[in-house]
């Protein structure tokens, strides 16, 4: 799954020099929340 929100989040984390592992784990943790709100709107 690749959405604009997750891509933006990854870009910010890279600019702030977060580690790749942190980026991946945070991205995986946010995915269910993003999907929930996307499908709640539809």
N, C-alpha and C. Protein backbone atom coordinates (compact mmCIF):
# COMPACT_ATOMS: atom_id res chain seq x y z
N UNK A 1 0.84 -1.18 0.00
CA UNK A 1 0.00 0.00 0.00
C UNK A 1 0.88 1.23 0.00
N UNK A 2 0.62 2.10 -0.91
CA UNK A 2 1.37 3.34 -0.95
C UNK A 2 0.39 4.48 -1.18
N UNK A 3 0.27 5.32 -0.19
CA UNK A 3 -0.63 6.45 -0.34
C UNK A 3 0.14 7.74 -0.15
N UNK A 4 -0.46 8.81 -0.53
CA UNK A 4 0.17 10.12 -0.43
C UNK A 4 0.53 10.44 1.02
N UNK A 5 -0.36 10.09 1.93
CA UNK A 5 -0.11 10.38 3.35
C UNK A 5 1.13 9.65 3.85
N UNK A 6 1.23 8.36 3.52
CA UNK A 6 2.39 7.57 3.97
C UNK A 6 3.67 8.05 3.30
N UNK A 7 3.59 8.39 2.02
CA UNK A 7 4.77 8.90 1.32
C UNK A 7 5.25 10.21 1.95
N UNK A 8 4.31 11.08 2.27
CA UNK A 8 4.67 12.35 2.92
C UNK A 8 5.30 12.10 4.28
N UNK A 9 4.75 11.15 5.03
CA UNK A 9 5.29 10.84 6.35
C UNK A 9 6.73 10.32 6.24
N UNK A 10 6.96 9.44 5.27
CA UNK A 10 8.31 8.90 5.06
C UNK A 10 9.29 10.01 4.66
N UNK A 11 8.84 10.92 3.82
CA UNK A 11 9.70 12.04 3.41
C UNK A 11 10.10 12.90 4.60
N UNK A 12 9.15 13.19 5.47
CA UNK A 12 9.45 13.99 6.65
C UNK A 12 10.43 13.25 7.56
N UNK A 13 10.20 11.96 7.74
CA UNK A 13 11.10 11.18 8.60
C UNK A 13 12.51 11.14 8.03
N UNK A 14 12.64 11.06 6.72
CA UNK A 14 13.96 11.06 6.10
C UNK A 14 14.66 12.41 6.27
N UNK A 15 13.88 13.49 6.15
CA UNK A 15 14.47 14.82 6.34
C UNK A 15 14.93 15.03 7.78
N UNK A 16 14.24 14.38 8.71
CA UNK A 16 14.62 14.49 10.12
C UNK A 16 15.67 13.46 10.53
N UNK A 17 16.16 12.69 9.56
CA UNK A 17 17.24 11.70 9.75
C UNK A 17 16.85 10.57 10.70
N UNK A 18 15.60 10.13 10.62
CA UNK A 18 15.20 8.95 11.36
C UNK A 18 15.83 7.72 10.71
N UNK A 19 16.04 6.67 11.49
CA UNK A 19 16.62 5.45 10.93
C UNK A 19 15.59 4.75 10.04
N UNK A 20 16.08 3.89 9.16
CA UNK A 20 15.21 3.15 8.25
C UNK A 20 14.26 2.25 9.04
N UNK A 21 14.77 1.62 10.10
CA UNK A 21 13.92 0.74 10.91
C UNK A 21 12.78 1.52 11.57
N UNK A 22 13.08 2.69 12.06
CA UNK A 22 12.05 3.53 12.68
C UNK A 22 11.02 3.92 11.63
N UNK A 23 11.51 4.29 10.46
CA UNK A 23 10.62 4.68 9.36
C UNK A 23 9.68 3.53 9.01
N UNK A 24 10.22 2.33 8.88
CA UNK A 24 9.40 1.18 8.51
C UNK A 24 8.40 0.83 9.60
N UNK A 25 8.85 0.81 10.85
CA UNK A 25 7.94 0.42 11.93
C UNK A 25 6.84 1.45 12.12
N UNK A 26 7.17 2.72 12.04
CA UNK A 26 6.15 3.76 12.19
C UNK A 26 5.18 3.73 11.01
N UNK A 27 5.70 3.48 9.82
CA UNK A 27 4.83 3.40 8.64
C UNK A 27 3.85 2.23 8.78
N UNK A 28 4.34 1.10 9.26
CA UNK A 28 3.46 -0.06 9.46
C UNK A 28 2.44 0.20 10.54
N UNK A 29 2.80 0.95 11.55
CA UNK A 29 1.87 1.25 12.64
C UNK A 29 0.79 2.23 12.24
N UNK A 30 1.08 3.09 11.29
CA UNK A 30 0.13 4.12 10.87
C UNK A 30 -0.82 3.59 9.79
N UNK A 31 -0.41 2.58 9.04
CA UNK A 31 -1.23 2.06 7.95
C UNK A 31 -2.67 1.72 8.36
N UNK A 32 -2.87 0.97 9.45
CA UNK A 32 -4.26 0.65 9.82
C UNK A 32 -5.10 1.89 10.11
N UNK A 33 -4.50 2.89 10.72
CA UNK A 33 -5.24 4.12 11.02
C UNK A 33 -5.61 4.84 9.73
N UNK A 34 -4.68 4.92 8.80
CA UNK A 34 -4.94 5.60 7.53
C UNK A 34 -6.04 4.86 6.77
N UNK A 35 -5.95 3.54 6.71
CA UNK A 35 -6.97 2.76 6.01
C UNK A 35 -8.34 2.93 6.67
N UNK A 36 -8.36 2.96 7.98
CA UNK A 36 -9.62 3.12 8.70
C UNK A 36 -10.29 4.43 8.30
N UNK A 37 -9.55 5.52 8.31
CA UNK A 37 -10.14 6.82 8.01
C UNK A 37 -10.49 6.97 6.54
N UNK A 38 -9.70 6.35 5.66
CA UNK A 38 -10.00 6.41 4.23
C UNK A 38 -11.33 5.71 3.95
N UNK A 39 -11.50 4.50 4.52
CA UNK A 39 -12.70 3.74 4.25
C UNK A 39 -13.90 4.24 5.05
N UNK A 40 -13.65 4.95 6.13
CA UNK A 40 -14.75 5.53 6.89
C UNK A 40 -15.41 6.65 6.11
N UNK A 41 -14.61 7.39 5.35
CA UNK A 41 -15.12 8.51 4.56
C UNK A 41 -15.95 8.01 3.38
N UNK A 42 -15.50 6.90 2.78
CA UNK A 42 -16.17 6.38 1.58
C UNK A 42 -17.45 5.74 1.89
